[in-house]
């Protein structure tokens, strides 16, 4: 114990000085590089390389397994579940174990006064406790207020699990939609890249020939310039298509969790059916309102806000607490060094009478905000549904129109090739 006392004061002084000396310490370049390399190694270590051509179903499966954003949502769901399990223990009583060491540099001497005469006692001052002693106790305590707050916290944590589930479900649906869209773009890039590049080269060659004809003045300059303008417009369209197709592969690799620049070979589905959307708007609205993840999340948030109101009201109630414990003190001046002690106490903060209206109003506003957000999301979902339905029909019309244009262009191409073969065209 002497060694403990000798180093106690210097240790406290060092701790205080060290705490006052804390300052911001940024990462060094080497530390940043180490973190980046560690994250990259962890990412690539859990990644399964693509062993062959990837179909659409396999692309969706790989995205759900390896996409990092989706993995974040999974971890958030697991975290919410762990917080719910941990929060259950807040409703249990507290069992506190304490142990301590006490020391003073002189005796705890007490004088006394005669309670009848009020004069100092003629007896010698008495020593009531040792200068060095140890204490220990084990106390079980339970509070009605803590139990109630733990109960409502557990219900809120249960709703937060459901919120995390809806966020994960939304992330999964968004990921599947993005993978499907990007997959078809990347597949188009894979099939059309050579043809688009060939068309660009042919257009560049035709443009050079046209400029040569313009210099030689073999044809009407107006017609030649119009021809060059059409070629330049077509070149711009082809370059836009080439740029759009080239970015699709990078986007698809990112969605699948692959390193940027990875070579991916895609397989076109054997047969794709374009099924018309035959459901009525009322049926679509009902499905959207029942299954939309954002709307369901806001419904759970409104229930969490209602539980918060109950917690606020509970904090304003009187508290009743109970404790029972076993205590030990090594002080030799005590006749009973070990004893059991129990207590029952009721408490109430009188200022709650003043603050209750403000707290209640704030809680009600919280519920109102949550309900307003839910209604706003509901309106947004319906608007999104009607917009998506319009976009679907518009896309179908564009597809059919593109099919008709392709048939006409294909026939024009055949006629142009025929004229070229018969040497009847320019």
Protein backbone atom coordinates (compact mmCIF):
# COMPACT_ATOMS: atom_id res chain seq x y z
CA UNK A 1 0.00 0.00 0.00
CA UNK A 2 2.96 2.31 0.64
CA UNK A 3 4.07 1.92 -2.97
CA UNK A 4 0.51 2.67 -4.11
CA UNK A 5 0.40 5.90 -2.09
CA UNK A 6 3.85 6.89 -3.32
CA UNK A 7 2.89 6.74 -6.97
CA UNK A 8 -0.75 7.87 -6.66
CA UNK A 9 -0.17 11.65 -6.64
CA UNK A 10 2.48 11.66 -9.41
CA UNK A 11 0.28 9.40 -11.51
CA UNK A 12 -2.71 11.71 -11.15
CA UNK A 13 -0.54 14.70 -12.03
CA UNK A 14 0.78 13.00 -15.14
CA UNK A 15 -2.76 12.04 -16.19
CA UNK A 16 -4.02 15.63 -15.77
CA UNK A 17 -1.08 17.10 -17.70
CA UNK A 18 -1.47 14.51 -20.48
CA UNK A 19 -5.17 15.28 -20.78
CA UNK A 20 -4.50 18.99 -21.15
CA UNK A 21 -1.84 18.31 -23.79
CA UNK A 22 -4.18 16.57 -26.27
CA UNK A 23 -4.25 18.22 -29.72
CA UNK A 24 -5.47 17.26 -33.22
CA UNK A 25 -3.19 14.68 -34.82
CA UNK A 26 -3.84 14.19 -38.56
CA UNK A 27 -2.91 10.98 -40.32
CA UNK A 28 0.39 10.95 -42.13
CA UNK A 29 0.66 10.05 -45.80
CA UNK A 30 2.09 6.66 -44.88
CA UNK A 31 -0.81 6.00 -42.49
CA UNK A 32 -3.33 6.98 -45.16
CA UNK A 33 -1.56 4.72 -47.65
CA UNK A 34 -1.62 1.84 -45.16
CA UNK A 35 -5.36 2.25 -44.57
CA UNK A 36 -6.07 2.38 -48.30
CA UNK A 37 -3.98 -0.70 -48.99
CA UNK A 38 -5.61 -2.56 -46.11
CA UNK A 39 -9.13 -1.70 -47.33
CA UNK A 40 -8.27 -2.68 -50.88
CA UNK A 41 -6.79 -5.99 -49.74
CA UNK A 42 -9.89 -6.74 -47.64
CA UNK A 43 -12.15 -5.85 -50.56
CA UNK A 44 -10.30 -7.92 -53.14
CA UNK A 45 -9.74 -10.80 -50.71
CA UNK A 46 -13.48 -11.49 -50.41
CA UNK A 47 -14.12 -11.05 -54.14
CA UNK A 48 -14.73 -13.99 -56.43
CA UNK A 49 -13.39 -13.42 -59.93
CA UNK A 50 -15.73 -13.85 -62.90
CA UNK A 51 -14.94 -17.27 -64.39
CA UNK A 52 -16.83 -16.92 -67.66
CA UNK A 53 -19.62 -15.11 -69.47
CA UNK A 54 -22.14 -13.49 -67.12
CA UNK A 55 -25.88 -13.62 -67.73
CA UNK A 56 -28.36 -11.14 -66.27
CA UNK A 57 -29.39 -13.38 -63.35
CA UNK A 58 -25.77 -14.01 -62.40
CA UNK A 59 -25.02 -10.29 -62.60
CA UNK A 60 -27.86 -9.55 -60.19
CA UNK A 61 -26.70 -12.33 -57.84
CA UNK A 62 -23.10 -11.04 -57.87
CA UNK A 63 -24.27 -7.50 -57.20
CA UNK A 64 -26.35 -8.59 -54.20
CA UNK A 65 -23.35 -10.50 -52.83
CA UNK A 66 -20.42 -8.19 -53.53
CA UNK A 67 -21.82 -4.66 -53.95
CA UNK A 68 -20.34 -2.56 -51.15
CA UNK A 69 -23.32 -0.19 -50.79
CA UNK A 70 -25.65 -3.15 -50.36
CA UNK A 71 -23.23 -4.66 -47.85
CA UNK A 72 -23.42 -1.43 -45.82
CA UNK A 73 -27.20 -1.80 -45.61
CA UNK A 74 -26.80 -5.40 -44.45
CA UNK A 75 -24.40 -4.30 -41.72
CA UNK A 76 -26.79 -1.53 -40.66
CA UNK A 77 -29.53 -4.14 -40.35
CA UNK A 78 -27.26 -6.35 -38.23
CA UNK A 79 -26.30 -3.35 -36.10
CA UNK A 80 -29.96 -2.48 -35.45
CA UNK A 81 -30.62 -6.08 -34.43
CA UNK A 82 -27.64 -6.06 -32.05
CA UNK A 83 -28.80 -2.78 -30.48
CA UNK A 84 -32.25 -4.30 -29.95
CA UNK A 85 -30.78 -7.34 -28.18
CA UNK A 86 -28.52 -5.15 -26.04
CA UNK A 87 -31.38 -2.79 -25.17
CA UNK A 88 -33.39 -5.60 -23.58
CA UNK A 89 -30.95 -5.66 -20.66
CA UNK A 90 -31.83 -2.06 -19.75
CA UNK A 91 -35.10 -3.35 -18.26
CA UNK A 92 -33.26 -5.63 -15.82
CA UNK A 93 -32.31 -4.52 -12.28
CA UNK A 94 -28.76 -3.29 -11.74
CA UNK A 95 -26.36 -5.45 -9.75
CA UNK A 96 -23.42 -3.24 -8.79
CA UNK A 97 -20.19 -4.61 -7.32
CA UNK A 98 -17.91 -2.00 -5.74
CA UNK A 99 -14.51 -2.24 -4.07
CA UNK A 100 -12.38 0.59 -2.75
CA UNK A 101 -9.28 1.55 -0.79
CA UNK A 102 -9.24 4.57 1.56
CA UNK A 103 -6.24 6.26 3.19
CA UNK A 104 -5.54 9.48 5.08
CA UNK A 105 -2.28 10.88 6.45
CA UNK A 106 -3.53 11.42 10.03
CA UNK A 107 -5.97 9.93 12.46
CA UNK A 108 -9.71 10.63 12.17
CA UNK A 109 -10.00 12.10 15.66
CA UNK A 110 -13.34 13.44 16.88
CA UNK A 111 -14.15 15.67 19.81
CA UNK A 112 -17.58 15.81 21.50
CA UNK A 113 -19.86 18.25 23.35
CA UNK A 114 -22.09 17.39 26.25
CA UNK A 115 -25.65 17.37 24.88
CA UNK A 116 -27.11 18.65 28.20
CA UNK A 117 -24.69 21.35 29.34
CA UNK A 118 -23.35 22.29 25.88
CA UNK A 119 -19.81 22.32 27.23
CA UNK A 120 -16.92 20.41 25.68
CA UNK A 121 -16.57 16.91 26.96
CA UNK A 122 -13.73 16.36 29.45
CA UNK A 123 -12.95 12.98 27.93
CA UNK A 124 -10.07 12.60 25.52
CA UNK A 125 -10.92 12.91 21.82
CA UNK A 126 -11.78 9.57 20.23
CA UNK A 127 -10.62 7.89 17.03
CA UNK A 128 -13.61 6.64 15.04
CA UNK A 129 -11.97 5.03 12.00
CA UNK A 130 -8.68 3.68 10.75
CA UNK A 131 -6.40 5.70 8.54
CA UNK A 132 -6.21 2.85 6.05
CA UNK A 133 -9.14 0.59 5.20
CA UNK A 134 -10.83 -1.26 2.34
CA UNK A 135 -14.50 -1.46 1.46
CA UNK A 136 -16.62 -3.69 -0.76
CA UNK A 137 -20.31 -4.05 -1.48
CA UNK A 138 -22.69 -5.84 -3.80
CA UNK A 139 -25.97 -3.96 -4.36
CA UNK A 140 -29.08 -4.88 -6.31
CA UNK A 141 -31.14 -1.86 -7.36
CA UNK A 142 -34.30 -1.46 -9.42
CA UNK A 143 -36.14 1.65 -10.57
CA UNK A 144 -39.62 1.82 -12.04
CA UNK A 145 -38.65 4.81 -14.16
CA UNK A 146 -35.58 3.04 -15.58
CA UNK A 147 -37.68 -0.03 -16.31
CA UNK A 148 -40.30 2.03 -18.16
CA UNK A 149 -37.72 3.91 -20.19
CA UNK A 150 -35.95 0.63 -21.02
CA UNK A 151 -39.25 -0.86 -22.14
CA UNK A 152 -40.03 1.97 -24.55
CA UNK A 153 -36.41 2.04 -25.76
CA UNK A 154 -36.70 -1.66 -26.56
CA UNK A 155 -39.89 -1.03 -28.55
CA UNK A 156 -38.17 1.79 -30.45
CA UNK A 157 -35.16 -0.42 -31.17
CA UNK A 158 -37.52 -3.10 -32.47
CA UNK A 159 -39.02 -0.57 -34.88
CA UNK A 160 -35.53 0.54 -35.89
CA UNK A 161 -34.83 -3.05 -36.95
CA UNK A 162 -37.86 -2.83 -39.24
CA UNK A 163 -36.63 0.53 -40.55
CA UNK A 164 -33.23 -1.03 -41.33
CA UNK A 165 -35.01 -3.91 -43.08
CA UNK A 166 -36.91 -1.48 -45.30
CA UNK A 167 -33.74 0.46 -46.12
CA UNK A 168 -31.99 -2.77 -47.06
CA UNK A 169 -34.98 -3.81 -49.18
CA UNK A 170 -34.97 -0.44 -50.95
CA UNK A 171 -31.22 -0.71 -51.55
CA UNK A 172 -31.72 -4.22 -52.95
CA UNK A 173 -34.49 -3.12 -55.33
CA UNK A 174 -32.51 -0.07 -56.46
CA UNK A 175 -29.43 -2.23 -57.01
CA UNK A 176 -31.38 -4.78 -59.08
CA UNK A 177 -32.87 -2.00 -61.18
CA UNK A 178 -29.49 -0.35 -61.76
CA UNK A 179 -27.82 -3.66 -62.59
CA UNK A 180 -30.56 -4.55 -65.08
CA UNK A 181 -30.36 -1.18 -66.84
CA UNK A 182 -26.57 -1.09 -66.89
CA UNK A 183 -26.37 -4.73 -67.98
CA UNK A 184 -28.34 -4.04 -71.17
CA UNK A 185 -26.24 -0.97 -71.89
CA UNK A 186 -23.03 -2.93 -71.38
CA UNK A 187 -24.37 -5.77 -73.53
CA UNK A 188 -25.17 -3.26 -76.27
CA UNK A 189 -21.62 -1.91 -75.95
CA UNK A 190 -20.22 -5.41 -76.27
CA UNK A 191 -22.23 -6.15 -79.42
CA UNK A 192 -22.10 -2.75 -81.10
CA UNK A 193 -18.65 -1.47 -80.22
CA UNK A 194 -16.99 -2.85 -83.35
CA UNK A 195 -19.83 -1.73 -85.62
CA UNK A 196 -19.97 1.76 -84.11
CA UNK A 197 -16.21 2.16 -84.45
CA UNK A 198 -16.38 0.93 -88.05
CA UNK A 199 -19.18 3.39 -88.80
CA UNK A 200 -17.12 6.22 -87.27
CA UNK A 201 -14.12 5.28 -89.41
CA UNK A 202 -16.24 5.10 -92.57
CA UNK A 203 -17.82 8.46 -91.75
CA UNK A 204 -14.40 10.01 -91.18
CA UNK A 205 -13.22 8.63 -94.53
CA UNK A 206 -16.35 9.89 -96.30
CA UNK A 207 -15.87 13.30 -94.70
CA UNK A 208 -12.27 13.44 -95.96
CA UNK A 209 -13.42 12.45 -99.47
CA UNK A 210 -16.12 15.11 -99.40
CA UNK A 211 -13.60 17.77 -98.40
CA UNK A 212 -11.37 16.69 -101.25
CA UNK A 213 -14.31 16.93 -103.68
CA UNK A 214 -15.07 20.39 -102.32
CA UNK A 215 -11.50 21.50 -102.98
CA UNK A 216 -11.51 20.09 -106.51
CA UNK A 217 -14.90 21.77 -107.24
CA UNK A 218 -16.20 18.70 -109.03
CA UNK A 219 -19.71 19.12 -107.62
CA UNK A 220 -22.00 21.87 -106.42
CA UNK A 221 -20.46 23.31 -103.21
CA UNK A 222 -23.89 23.73 -101.58
CA UNK A 223 -24.73 20.05 -101.98
CA UNK A 224 -21.26 19.02 -100.79
CA UNK A 225 -21.46 21.21 -97.67
CA UNK A 226 -24.91 19.86 -96.82
CA UNK A 227 -23.48 16.37 -97.17
CA UNK A 228 -20.59 17.28 -94.85
CA UNK A 229 -22.99 18.72 -92.28
CA UNK A 230 -25.03 15.50 -92.31
CA UNK A 231 -21.82 13.52 -91.87
CA UNK A 232 -20.74 15.68 -88.94
CA UNK A 233 -24.14 15.35 -87.27
CA UNK A 234 -23.99 11.59 -87.69
CA UNK A 235 -20.43 11.53 -86.36
CA UNK A 236 -21.53 13.41 -83.27
CA UNK A 237 -24.36 10.96 -82.70
CA UNK A 238 -22.04 8.00 -83.18
CA UNK A 239 -19.48 9.45 -80.77
CA UNK A 240 -22.22 10.03 -78.18
CA UNK A 241 -23.32 6.42 -78.56
CA UNK A 242 -19.73 5.21 -78.28
CA UNK A 243 -19.15 7.30 -75.14
CA UNK A 244 -22.39 6.09 -73.56
CA UNK A 245 -21.63 2.45 -74.31
CA UNK A 246 -18.06 2.71 -73.04
CA UNK A 247 -19.15 4.08 -69.64
CA UNK A 248 -21.70 1.27 -69.20
CA UNK A 249 -18.98 -1.37 -68.67
CA UNK A 250 -17.30 0.69 -65.94
CA UNK A 251 -20.64 1.26 -64.20
CA UNK A 252 -21.54 -2.43 -64.38
CA UNK A 253 -18.17 -3.45 -62.90
CA UNK A 254 -18.73 -1.03 -60.02
CA UNK A 255 -22.23 -2.40 -59.36
CA UNK A 256 -20.90 -5.97 -59.35
CA UNK A 257 -18.15 -5.07 -56.90
CA UNK A 258 -15.39 -5.66 -59.46
CA UNK A 259 -12.33 -3.43 -59.82
CA UNK A 260 -12.77 -0.62 -62.39
CA UNK A 261 -11.53 -1.64 -65.81
CA UNK A 262 -12.32 -5.34 -65.32
CA UNK A 263 -13.12 -7.17 -68.54
CA UNK A 264 -16.62 -8.60 -68.36
CA UNK A 265 -18.10 -10.85 -71.02
CA UNK A 266 -21.89 -10.78 -71.08
CA UNK A 267 -24.42 -13.23 -72.47
CA UNK A 268 -27.59 -12.03 -74.16
CA UNK A 269 -30.77 -13.68 -72.82
CA UNK A 270 -32.25 -16.22 -75.20
CA UNK A 271 -35.66 -14.60 -75.36
CA UNK A 272 -37.01 -11.37 -73.93
CA UNK A 273 -40.74 -10.74 -73.80
CA UNK A 274 -42.11 -7.22 -73.73
CA UNK A 275 -45.17 -7.68 -71.55
CA UNK A 276 -47.62 -4.79 -71.62
CA UNK A 277 -48.61 -3.20 -68.33
CA UNK A 278 -52.26 -4.23 -68.10
CA UNK A 279 -52.98 -3.34 -64.44
CA UNK A 280 -55.26 -0.41 -63.70
CA UNK A 281 -53.88 2.70 -62.05
CA UNK A 282 -55.88 2.00 -58.89
CA UNK A 283 -54.34 -1.46 -58.56
CA UNK A 284 -50.85 -0.05 -59.13
CA UNK A 285 -51.43 2.64 -56.52
CA UNK A 286 -52.57 0.05 -53.97
CA UNK A 287 -49.49 -2.11 -54.64
CA UNK A 288 -47.17 0.88 -54.39
CA UNK A 289 -48.64 2.14 -51.11
CA UNK A 290 -48.49 -1.34 -49.57
CA UNK A 291 -44.96 -2.25 -50.64
CA UNK A 292 -42.99 0.98 -51.03
CA UNK A 293 -39.99 0.84 -48.70
CA UNK A 294 -39.81 4.60 -48.08
CA UNK A 295 -43.47 4.76 -47.04
CA UNK A 296 -43.16 1.76 -44.75
CA UNK A 297 -40.05 3.30 -43.19
CA UNK A 298 -41.88 6.54 -42.45
CA UNK A 299 -44.73 4.55 -40.87
CA UNK A 300 -42.26 2.95 -38.48
CA UNK A 301 -40.66 6.35 -37.80
CA UNK A 302 -44.08 7.72 -36.86
CA UNK A 303 -44.50 4.86 -34.38
CA UNK A 304 -41.03 5.60 -32.95
CA UNK A 305 -42.07 9.24 -32.50
CA UNK A 306 -45.22 8.11 -30.66
CA UNK A 307 -43.09 5.96 -28.33
CA UNK A 308 -40.88 9.01 -27.71
CA UNK A 309 -43.98 10.89 -26.54
CA UNK A 310 -44.73 8.14 -24.03
CA UNK A 311 -41.13 8.28 -22.80
CA UNK A 312 -41.45 12.04 -22.27
CA UNK A 313 -44.63 11.57 -20.23
CA UNK A 314 -43.00 8.79 -18.23
CA UNK A 315 -40.05 11.01 -17.27
CA UNK A 316 -42.53 13.42 -15.66
CA UNK A 317 -43.95 10.76 -13.36
CA UNK A 318 -42.68 10.12 -9.80
CA UNK A 319 -39.94 7.52 -9.53
CA UNK A 320 -39.93 4.60 -7.14
CA UNK A 321 -36.62 2.81 -6.55
CA UNK A 322 -35.58 -0.15 -4.44
CA UNK A 323 -32.12 -1.39 -3.47
CA UNK A 324 -30.72 -4.23 -1.40
CA UNK A 325 -27.03 -4.92 -0.85
CA UNK A 326 -24.36 -6.58 1.20
CA UNK A 327 -21.55 -4.34 2.50
CA UNK A 328 -18.11 -4.92 4.00
CA UNK A 329 -15.65 -2.52 5.66
CA UNK A 330 -12.24 -3.54 7.03
CA UNK A 331 -12.26 -0.74 9.63
CA UNK A 332 -11.45 -2.45 12.97
CA UNK A 333 -13.30 0.25 14.90
CA UNK A 334 -16.56 -1.02 13.49
CA UNK A 335 -18.29 -3.59 15.64
CA UNK A 336 -20.17 -4.97 12.62
CA UNK A 337 -17.85 -5.11 9.62
CA UNK A 338 -20.43 -6.79 7.41
CA UNK A 339 -24.07 -5.84 7.09
CA UNK A 340 -27.04 -6.01 4.73
CA UNK A 341 -28.92 -2.88 3.83
CA UNK A 342 -32.20 -2.26 2.02
CA UNK A 343 -33.89 0.95 0.94
CA UNK A 344 -37.09 2.06 -0.73
CA UNK A 345 -37.26 5.62 -2.04
CA UNK A 346 -39.76 7.75 -3.95
CA UNK A 347 -38.67 10.89 -5.80
CA UNK A 348 -40.25 13.53 -7.96
CA UNK A 349 -38.82 16.58 -9.69
CA UNK A 350 -41.17 19.42 -8.79
CA UNK A 351 -39.97 21.46 -11.75
CA UNK A 352 -41.68 18.89 -14.00
CA UNK A 353 -44.89 20.74 -13.17
CA UNK A 354 -43.48 23.77 -14.99
CA UNK A 355 -41.76 21.93 -17.85
CA UNK A 356 -44.51 19.38 -18.55
CA UNK A 357 -46.48 21.52 -21.07
CA UNK A 358 -43.33 22.35 -23.05
CA UNK A 359 -42.16 18.73 -23.17
CA UNK A 360 -45.61 17.51 -24.12
CA UNK A 361 -45.91 20.12 -26.87
CA UNK A 362 -42.47 19.18 -28.25
CA UNK A 363 -43.40 15.48 -28.29
CA UNK A 364 -46.69 16.17 -30.05
CA UNK A 365 -44.89 18.24 -32.66
CA UNK A 366 -42.49 15.33 -33.15
CA UNK A 367 -45.40 13.00 -33.85
CA UNK A 368 -46.95 15.58 -36.17
CA UNK A 369 -43.70 15.95 -38.11
CA UNK A 370 -43.39 12.17 -38.51
CA UNK A 371 -46.98 11.89 -39.75
CA UNK A 372 -46.51 14.83 -42.13
CA UNK A 373 -43.40 13.16 -43.56
CA UNK A 374 -45.35 9.95 -44.04
CA UNK A 375 -48.10 11.76 -45.92
CA UNK A 376 -45.54 13.64 -48.02
CA UNK A 377 -43.85 10.36 -48.93
CA UNK A 378 -47.24 8.87 -49.79
CA UNK A 379 -47.96 11.71 -52.23
CA UNK A 380 -44.44 11.39 -53.67
CA UNK A 381 -44.95 7.63 -54.17
CA UNK A 382 -48.18 8.19 -56.07
CA UNK A 383 -46.57 10.88 -58.21
CA UNK A 384 -43.60 8.60 -58.87
CA UNK A 385 -45.97 5.79 -59.84
CA UNK A 386 -47.84 7.89 -62.40
CA UNK A 387 -44.56 9.23 -63.77
CA UNK A 388 -43.11 5.71 -64.04
CA UNK A 389 -46.25 4.49 -65.81
CA UNK A 390 -45.97 7.37 -68.29
CA UNK A 391 -42.26 6.66 -68.81
CA UNK A 392 -42.99 2.97 -69.37
CA UNK A 393 -45.55 3.63 -72.10
CA UNK A 394 -43.32 6.31 -73.62
CA UNK A 395 -40.38 3.87 -73.67
CA UNK A 396 -42.56 1.24 -75.32
CA UNK A 397 -43.58 3.72 -78.02
CA UNK A 398 -39.97 4.74 -78.56
CA UNK A 399 -38.96 1.11 -78.87
CA UNK A 400 -41.63 0.37 -81.45
CA UNK A 401 -40.73 3.55 -83.31
CA UNK A 402 -37.06 2.57 -83.26
CA UNK A 403 -37.98 -0.84 -84.65
CA UNK A 404 -39.86 0.82 -87.53
CA UNK A 405 -36.96 3.21 -88.22
CA UNK A 406 -34.54 0.30 -88.16
CA UNK A 407 -36.57 -1.57 -90.77
CA UNK A 408 -36.59 1.49 -93.05
CA UNK A 409 -32.87 2.11 -92.50
CA UNK A 410 -32.13 -1.54 -93.18
CA UNK A 411 -33.95 -1.39 -96.50
CA UNK A 412 -32.18 1.87 -97.39
CA UNK A 413 -28.87 0.22 -96.55
CA UNK A 414 -29.66 -2.71 -98.81
CA UNK A 415 -30.59 -0.32 -101.64
CA UNK A 416 -27.40 1.69 -101.13
CA UNK A 417 -25.27 -1.45 -101.20
CA UNK A 418 -27.11 -2.59 -104.34
CA UNK A 419 -26.43 0.71 -106.07
CA UNK A 420 -22.82 0.52 -104.96
CA UNK A 421 -22.44 -2.99 -106.36
CA UNK A 422 -24.06 -1.97 -109.66
CA UNK A 423 -21.98 1.25 -109.71
CA UNK A 424 -25.12 3.36 -110.09
CA UNK A 425 -24.62 5.48 -106.97
CA UNK A 426 -22.12 8.09 -105.95
